[in-house]
Amino acid sequence: MKVAILGGGAIGITYAAMLTRSGHDVVLWSETAGPLNDTIYVEGAFSFSGHIHQDSDLRKAVQNADVLICARGARGTQDLIDQLVPLTTSGQTLIFSAELSLCSAYADQLLKSAGKQVPIMSWSTTVVTARRIAADRISCGTVRDRVDYAVTAARVPDDSQTVLGGLFNTEFRELPSALAVALSNLNPPIHLANALANLTRIEKAENWENYAGITPSVGRVIEALDLERLALAAHFGLKVRTVFEHYLSTFPGITAGPVTAMASQVSSKGPSVPGPRSLDTRYLTEDIPFGLVPLVHIAGLVGVDMPLHKAGIRLASVYAGQDFGAENRMLGAVSEHLKTHKSPCQTIPSGPA
């Protein structure tokens, strides 16, 4: 397949490397990143050494592509959708990696207004975790065994499982809606709890290990946030995986237990995952306005209280000196999407016990 990866960060580069190695015709587009070196190295959970084709012209990058994978940071997703919709054509499939703020609903609204039938798939999380450690080198921490996803609008030609299976060696489990996918994303609440508890380390640019930072007190906050998320999902009749199931499915080989115990196992197994070293971290600037704010927005519309989420968003905003609750411009699409979820009617299979 011809695949356009939209986003030149560590995740996008790793996707491009994986698909290039699998024999796909891949182009990597980035509006902000500079040109890649002739040879790119990926090490860790996935290994690659070779050339990745890059194009800085979005129109050329998406032209004739079968699949468009949006791997851009959350803050740039709306702008990318605005630029992308006029360039899409029938027969293409749009994938969001991962679903934040029901961006698939926003894209679907624009596509329908343009009279285009483009199927959208949104993932609950990225297929990989990765970070850039040098201009030509990426460290891939994890290749996930399973990722949940949903299909929005038109069905994907030849079945969504066939499309996804032809791209990645990951098990993709289909959920009934993009809302279910959004409610399945565990990264924002985990990152909020860990960032707030380790905020002075972040602000002072100290070296600290991410999973080791999830102490028993942080683990208790994560578990309490999870209960609020699960209650919101239950309001819509959706049974989503718990934070405990998330850890077990994301990190094969660890044993079940409290969040802090599982995080400790991840830390001890390695490789080390450094915590953020700046307040300008996606843990705050992306996960809060585009991961947590939409959940609180949804909860407010349907009368479900999420006091710990609200307090965390407000506290993080004061610490960072910015209003995270006012930065998301896609919340209107979230409200429209809820019109299809007025009554509890769906159940999602639970993850591994």
Protein backbone atom coordinates (compact mmCIF):
# COMPACT_ATOMS: atom_id res chain seq x y z
CA MET A 1 0.00 0.00 0.00
CA LYS A 2 0.98 3.61 -0.45
CA VAL A 3 0.99 5.19 3.02
CA ALA A 4 1.42 8.82 4.02
CA ILE A 5 2.60 9.35 7.60
CA LEU A 6 1.56 12.84 8.71
CA GLY A 7 3.85 13.95 11.51
CA GLY A 8 7.62 13.87 11.72
CA GLY A 9 8.09 13.19 15.43
CA ALA A 10 9.49 10.02 16.96
CA ILE A 11 6.20 8.12 16.59
CA GLY A 12 5.74 9.13 12.94
CA ILE A 13 9.33 8.24 12.05
CA THR A 14 8.99 4.86 13.75
CA TYR A 15 5.76 4.13 11.86
CA ALA A 16 7.49 5.10 8.61
CA ALA A 17 10.41 2.81 9.44
CA MET A 18 8.12 -0.13 10.28
CA LEU A 19 6.06 0.24 7.12
CA THR A 20 9.11 0.83 4.92
CA ARG A 21 10.69 -2.36 6.24
CA SER A 22 7.46 -4.21 5.51
CA GLY A 23 7.64 -3.19 1.86
CA HIS A 24 5.02 -0.44 1.73
CA ASP A 25 5.44 2.71 -0.36
CA VAL A 26 5.85 5.26 2.45
CA VAL A 27 6.20 9.02 2.56
CA LEU A 28 6.71 10.97 5.78
CA TRP A 29 5.34 14.52 5.96
CA SER A 30 6.18 17.11 8.57
CA GLU A 31 5.44 20.82 8.59
CA THR A 32 7.93 21.69 11.30
CA ALA A 33 10.65 19.03 11.46
CA GLY A 34 13.76 19.47 9.35
CA PRO A 35 14.83 17.00 6.64
CA LEU A 36 15.85 13.55 7.79
CA ASN A 37 19.34 12.15 7.39
CA ASP A 38 19.93 9.73 4.51
CA THR A 39 20.00 6.88 7.01
CA ILE A 40 17.66 6.64 9.98
CA TYR A 41 18.28 4.25 12.87
CA VAL A 42 15.58 2.88 15.14
CA GLU A 43 16.64 0.77 18.11
CA GLY A 44 15.01 -0.90 21.09
CA ALA A 45 11.74 -2.83 20.77
CA PHE A 46 11.94 -2.37 16.98
CA SER A 47 15.09 -2.13 14.87
CA PHE A 48 15.60 -0.38 11.54
CA SER A 49 18.42 1.11 9.53
CA GLY A 50 17.68 2.73 6.21
CA HIS A 51 16.27 5.62 4.22
CA ILE A 52 12.81 7.08 4.79
CA HIS A 53 11.26 9.11 2.01
CA GLN A 54 10.15 12.56 3.17
CA ASP A 55 8.09 15.34 1.57
CA SER A 56 7.37 18.76 3.07
CA ASP A 57 4.48 19.41 0.66
CA LEU A 58 1.27 18.03 2.19
CA ARG A 59 -0.55 17.90 -1.15
CA LYS A 60 2.20 15.80 -2.72
CA ALA A 61 2.48 13.60 0.37
CA VAL A 62 -1.19 12.59 0.39
CA GLN A 63 -1.66 12.42 -3.38
CA ASN A 64 -2.58 8.89 -4.47
CA ALA A 65 -1.99 7.51 -0.96
CA ASP A 66 -4.21 4.60 0.07
CA VAL A 67 -3.86 5.30 3.79
CA LEU A 68 -3.21 8.53 5.67
CA ILE A 69 -1.90 8.08 9.22
CA CYS A 70 -2.08 11.20 11.37
CA ALA A 71 0.74 10.97 13.91
CA ARG A 72 0.99 14.65 14.68
CA GLY A 73 0.97 16.07 18.19
CA ALA A 74 -2.44 16.94 19.59
CA ARG A 75 -1.86 20.69 19.46
CA GLY A 76 -1.39 20.54 15.69
CA THR A 77 -4.13 18.04 14.91
CA GLN A 78 -6.96 20.50 14.22
CA ASP A 79 -4.79 22.60 11.89
CA LEU A 80 -3.72 19.43 10.09
CA ILE A 81 -7.34 18.32 9.65
CA ASP A 82 -8.25 21.75 8.27
CA GLN A 83 -5.45 21.47 5.70
CA LEU A 84 -6.02 17.80 4.96
CA VAL A 85 -9.76 17.62 4.26
CA PRO A 86 -9.62 19.58 0.96
CA LEU A 87 -6.84 17.25 -0.24
CA THR A 88 -8.49 13.90 0.51
CA THR A 89 -10.16 11.79 -2.14
CA SER A 90 -12.57 8.86 -2.18
CA GLY A 91 -10.87 5.53 -1.68
CA GLN A 92 -8.45 6.84 0.92
CA THR A 93 -8.59 5.82 4.58
CA LEU A 94 -7.73 8.27 7.36
CA ILE A 95 -6.25 6.94 10.60
CA PHE A 96 -5.74 8.94 13.79
CA SER A 97 -2.93 7.71 16.02
CA ALA A 98 -4.24 8.23 18.58
CA GLU A 99 -7.76 9.58 19.16
CA LEU A 100 -7.64 12.75 21.23
CA SER A 101 -10.59 15.09 21.76
CA LEU A 102 -12.70 13.06 19.31
CA CYS A 103 -10.68 14.56 16.48
CA SER A 104 -12.23 11.88 14.24
CA ALA A 105 -15.65 13.48 14.86
CA TYR A 106 -14.25 16.87 13.88
CA ALA A 107 -12.71 15.46 10.70
CA ASP A 108 -15.92 13.60 9.88
CA GLN A 109 -17.94 16.83 10.13
CA LEU A 110 -15.62 18.64 7.72
CA LEU A 111 -15.53 15.71 5.30
CA LYS A 112 -19.32 15.47 5.22
CA SER A 113 -19.61 19.22 4.68
CA ALA A 114 -17.23 18.82 1.72
CA GLY A 115 -19.35 15.96 0.35
CA LYS A 116 -16.56 13.41 0.77
CA GLN A 117 -16.94 9.79 1.82
CA VAL A 118 -13.67 9.02 3.56
CA PRO A 119 -13.66 6.30 6.25
CA ILE A 120 -11.87 7.20 9.46
CA MET A 121 -10.22 4.87 11.94
CA SER A 122 -9.15 6.16 15.34
CA TRP A 123 -6.86 4.30 17.73
CA SER A 124 -7.04 4.39 21.51
CA THR A 125 -3.26 4.76 21.67
CA THR A 126 -0.18 4.60 19.47
CA VAL A 127 1.15 1.29 18.18
CA VAL A 128 4.57 2.19 19.58
CA THR A 129 6.19 4.33 22.20
CA ALA A 130 9.28 6.15 20.95
CA ARG A 131 11.54 9.13 21.54
CA ARG A 132 14.14 10.85 19.42
CA ILE A 133 17.61 10.60 20.95
CA ALA A 134 19.59 12.10 18.06
CA ALA A 135 18.99 13.68 14.66
CA ASP A 136 19.21 10.29 12.97
CA ARG A 137 18.28 7.96 15.83
CA ILE A 138 15.01 6.88 17.49
CA SER A 139 14.62 4.78 20.63
CA CYS A 140 11.50 2.59 20.42
CA GLY A 141 10.42 1.62 23.92
CA THR A 142 7.38 -0.56 23.17
CA VAL A 143 5.54 -2.15 20.28
CA ARG A 144 2.07 -2.76 21.68
CA ASP A 145 0.50 -6.18 21.32
CA ARG A 146 -3.01 -4.76 21.06
CA VAL A 147 -4.65 -1.45 20.21
CA ASP A 148 -8.36 -0.64 20.34
CA TYR A 149 -9.90 1.29 17.46
CA ALA A 150 -13.19 2.47 16.00
CA VAL A 151 -14.44 3.25 12.50
CA THR A 152 -16.24 6.53 11.84
CA ALA A 153 -18.44 7.31 8.84
CA ALA A 154 -18.19 5.01 5.84
CA ARG A 155 -16.93 1.49 6.33
CA VAL A 156 -13.35 0.86 5.33
CA PRO A 157 -13.12 -0.94 1.96
CA ASP A 158 -12.22 -4.62 2.24
CA ASP A 159 -12.83 -4.51 6.01
CA SER A 160 -10.94 -2.45 8.57
CA GLN A 161 -9.17 -5.50 10.01
CA THR A 162 -7.71 -6.28 6.59
CA VAL A 163 -6.41 -2.74 6.21
CA LEU A 164 -4.87 -2.62 9.67
CA GLY A 165 -3.51 -6.16 9.51
CA GLY A 166 -1.76 -5.28 6.28
CA LEU A 167 0.06 -2.43 8.01
CA PHE A 168 1.15 -3.54 11.48
CA ASN A 169 1.74 -6.81 13.34
CA THR A 170 -0.45 -5.65 16.20
CA GLU A 171 -3.83 -7.01 17.24
CA PHE A 172 -6.49 -4.38 16.59
CA ARG A 173 -9.74 -4.77 18.52
CA GLU A 174 -12.70 -2.87 17.11
CA LEU A 175 -14.84 -0.87 19.51
CA PRO A 176 -18.36 0.38 18.70
CA SER A 177 -17.61 4.10 18.42
CA ALA A 178 -15.01 6.87 18.57
CA LEU A 179 -16.47 7.83 21.94
CA ALA A 180 -15.58 4.38 23.25
CA VAL A 181 -12.05 4.84 21.93
CA ALA A 182 -11.72 8.27 23.55
CA LEU A 183 -12.85 6.82 26.86
CA SER A 184 -10.28 4.02 26.49
CA ASN A 185 -7.23 6.32 26.39
CA LEU A 186 -5.40 5.90 29.70
CA ASN A 187 -2.38 8.08 28.95
CA PRO A 188 -3.90 11.49 29.89
CA PRO A 189 -4.96 10.62 33.46
CA ILE A 190 -1.77 8.66 34.13
CA HIS A 191 0.37 11.51 32.83
CA LEU A 192 -1.58 14.13 34.79
CA ALA A 193 -1.08 12.35 38.11
CA ASN A 194 2.59 11.62 37.48
CA ALA A 195 3.38 15.12 36.18
CA LEU A 196 1.73 16.97 39.05
CA ALA A 197 3.45 14.82 41.68
CA ASN A 198 6.85 15.29 40.01
CA LEU A 199 6.35 18.86 38.86
CA THR A 200 9.43 20.40 40.51
CA ARG A 201 11.60 17.71 38.92
CA ILE A 202 10.10 18.64 35.55
CA GLU A 203 10.43 22.38 36.10
CA LYS A 204 14.07 22.09 37.25
CA ALA A 205 14.92 19.79 34.31
CA GLU A 206 16.12 17.02 36.61
CA ASN A 207 16.88 13.53 35.35
CA TRP A 208 14.19 11.18 36.63
CA GLU A 209 12.70 7.88 35.49
CA ASN A 210 9.07 8.06 34.42
CA TYR A 211 7.70 4.78 35.79
CA ALA A 212 9.78 4.99 38.95
CA GLY A 213 8.00 8.31 39.56
CA ILE A 214 4.70 6.45 39.97
CA THR A 215 5.01 6.01 43.71
CA PRO A 216 2.17 4.61 45.88
CA SER A 217 0.66 8.09 46.31
CA VAL A 218 0.73 8.72 42.56
CA GLY A 219 -0.72 5.28 41.96
CA ARG A 220 -3.65 6.05 44.26
CA VAL A 221 -4.44 9.23 42.31
CA ILE A 222 -4.28 7.32 39.01
CA GLU A 223 -6.67 4.69 40.35
CA ALA A 224 -9.08 7.36 41.64
CA LEU A 225 -9.04 9.15 38.27
CA ASP A 226 -9.73 5.82 36.62
CA LEU A 227 -12.90 5.34 38.67
CA GLU A 228 -14.25 8.66 37.37
CA ARG A 229 -13.46 7.68 33.77
CA LEU A 230 -15.12 4.29 34.21
CA ALA A 231 -18.23 5.96 35.68
CA LEU A 232 -18.50 8.24 32.65
CA ALA A 233 -18.17 5.26 30.30
CA ALA A 234 -20.83 3.38 32.27
CA HIS A 235 -23.24 6.30 31.76
CA PHE A 236 -23.14 5.48 28.04
CA GLY A 237 -23.35 1.73 28.61
CA LEU A 238 -19.71 1.31 27.63
CA LYS A 239 -17.43 -1.13 29.45
CA VAL A 240 -13.88 0.01 28.78
CA ARG A 241 -10.65 -1.47 30.06
CA THR A 242 -9.42 -0.46 33.48
CA VAL A 243 -6.03 1.07 34.17
CA PHE A 244 -4.94 -2.33 35.51
CA GLU A 245 -5.92 -4.04 32.24
CA HIS A 246 -4.16 -1.25 30.34
CA TYR A 247 -0.86 -2.00 32.05
CA LEU A 248 -1.18 -5.73 31.53
CA SER A 249 -1.93 -5.40 27.82
CA THR A 250 0.69 -2.69 27.19
CA PHE A 251 3.56 -4.39 29.03
CA PRO A 252 3.51 -8.17 28.46
CA GLY A 253 5.14 -10.21 31.21
CA ILE A 254 4.24 -8.07 34.22
CA THR A 255 1.99 -9.42 36.94
CA ALA A 256 -1.26 -7.87 38.11
CA GLY A 257 -1.32 -5.64 41.17
CA PRO A 258 -1.79 -2.02 42.23
CA VAL A 259 -0.75 0.58 39.65
CA THR A 260 2.42 1.48 41.53
CA ALA A 261 3.49 -2.18 41.69
CA MET A 262 2.97 -2.66 37.95
CA ALA A 263 4.78 0.60 37.15
CA SER A 264 7.67 -0.58 39.32
CA GLN A 265 7.87 -3.80 37.29
CA VAL A 266 7.94 -1.80 34.04
CA SER A 267 10.72 0.37 35.46
CA SER A 268 12.82 -2.59 36.60
CA LYS A 269 12.49 -4.44 33.28
CA GLY A 270 13.79 -1.43 31.33
CA PRO A 271 14.77 0.18 29.14
CA SER A 272 14.65 3.33 31.23
CA VAL A 273 12.05 5.87 30.16
CA PRO A 274 13.02 9.39 31.24
CA GLY A 275 10.37 11.67 32.69
CA PRO A 276 9.67 15.08 31.15
CA ARG A 277 12.23 17.83 31.79
CA SER A 278 10.20 20.89 30.85
CA LEU A 279 6.75 22.26 31.63
CA ASP A 280 6.28 22.34 27.86
CA THR A 281 5.64 18.59 27.92
CA ARG A 282 2.86 16.75 26.16
CA TYR A 283 1.91 15.33 29.57
CA LEU A 284 0.52 18.80 30.28
CA THR A 285 0.15 20.73 27.01
CA GLU A 286 -1.47 17.91 25.00
CA ASP A 287 -2.93 15.34 27.37
CA ILE A 288 -4.82 17.87 29.47
CA PRO A 289 -6.54 20.10 26.85
CA PHE A 290 -7.06 17.30 24.32
CA GLY A 291 -7.39 14.24 26.56
CA LEU A 292 -8.93 15.31 29.86
CA VAL A 293 -10.81 18.52 29.03
CA PRO A 294 -13.02 16.72 26.46
CA LEU A 295 -13.95 14.08 29.05
CA VAL A 296 -14.95 16.74 31.56
CA HIS A 297 -16.84 18.54 28.77
CA ILE A 298 -18.74 15.34 27.93
CA ALA A 299 -19.43 14.67 31.60
CA GLY A 300 -20.87 18.16 32.02
CA LEU A 301 -23.20 17.67 29.06
CA VAL A 302 -24.67 14.46 30.49
CA GLY A 303 -24.61 15.36 34.18
CA VAL A 304 -21.78 13.13 35.37
CA ASP A 305 -19.47 14.69 37.98
CA MET A 306 -15.68 14.29 37.64
CA PRO A 307 -14.36 16.36 40.55
CA LEU A 308 -10.83 14.94 40.57
CA HIS A 309 -10.41 15.53 36.84
CA LYS A 310 -11.68 19.10 37.23
CA ALA A 311 -9.33 19.75 40.14
CA GLY A 312 -6.36 18.28 38.28
CA ILE A 313 -7.02 20.41 35.19
CA ARG A 314 -7.41 23.56 37.29
CA LEU A 315 -4.33 22.85 39.40
CA ALA A 316 -2.18 22.06 36.36
CA SER A 317 -3.38 25.28 34.68
CA VAL A 318 -2.33 27.37 37.67
CA TYR A 319 1.04 25.63 37.92
CA ALA A 320 1.74 26.07 34.20
CA GLY A 321 0.37 29.61 34.04
CA GLN A 322 -2.05 28.86 31.20
CA ASP A 323 -5.71 27.93 30.87
CA PHE A 324 -5.73 24.37 29.56
CA GLY A 325 -9.52 24.37 29.59
CA ALA A 326 -9.67 27.06 26.89
CA GLU A 327 -7.14 25.68 24.40
CA ASN A 328 -9.27 23.04 22.67
CA ARG A 329 -11.22 24.33 19.65
CA MET A 330 -12.78 20.97 18.69
CA LEU A 331 -15.24 20.64 21.56
CA GLY A 332 -18.17 21.59 19.31
CA ALA A 333 -17.63 18.38 17.35
CA VAL A 334 -17.60 16.48 20.64
CA SER A 335 -21.06 17.83 21.48
CA GLU A 336 -22.39 16.85 18.06
CA HIS A 337 -20.95 13.35 18.37
CA LEU A 338 -22.82 12.81 21.64
CA LYS A 339 -26.15 13.05 19.84
CA THR A 340 -25.57 9.49 18.65
CA HIS A 341 -25.02 8.30 22.24
CA LYS A 342 -28.17 9.34 24.05
CA SER A 343 -28.89 5.97 25.64
CA PRO A 344 -26.78 3.12 27.00
CA CYS A 345 -26.72 0.46 24.31
CA GLN A 346 -23.20 -0.86 23.82
CA THR A 347 -20.79 -3.08 25.68
CA ILE A 348 -17.08 -3.33 24.97
CA PRO A 349 -15.33 -6.64 25.75
CA SER A 350 -13.02 -6.18 28.69
CA GLY A 351 -9.28 -6.55 28.36
CA PRO A 352 -7.21 -9.36 29.91
CA ALA A 353 -7.76 -10.03 33.60
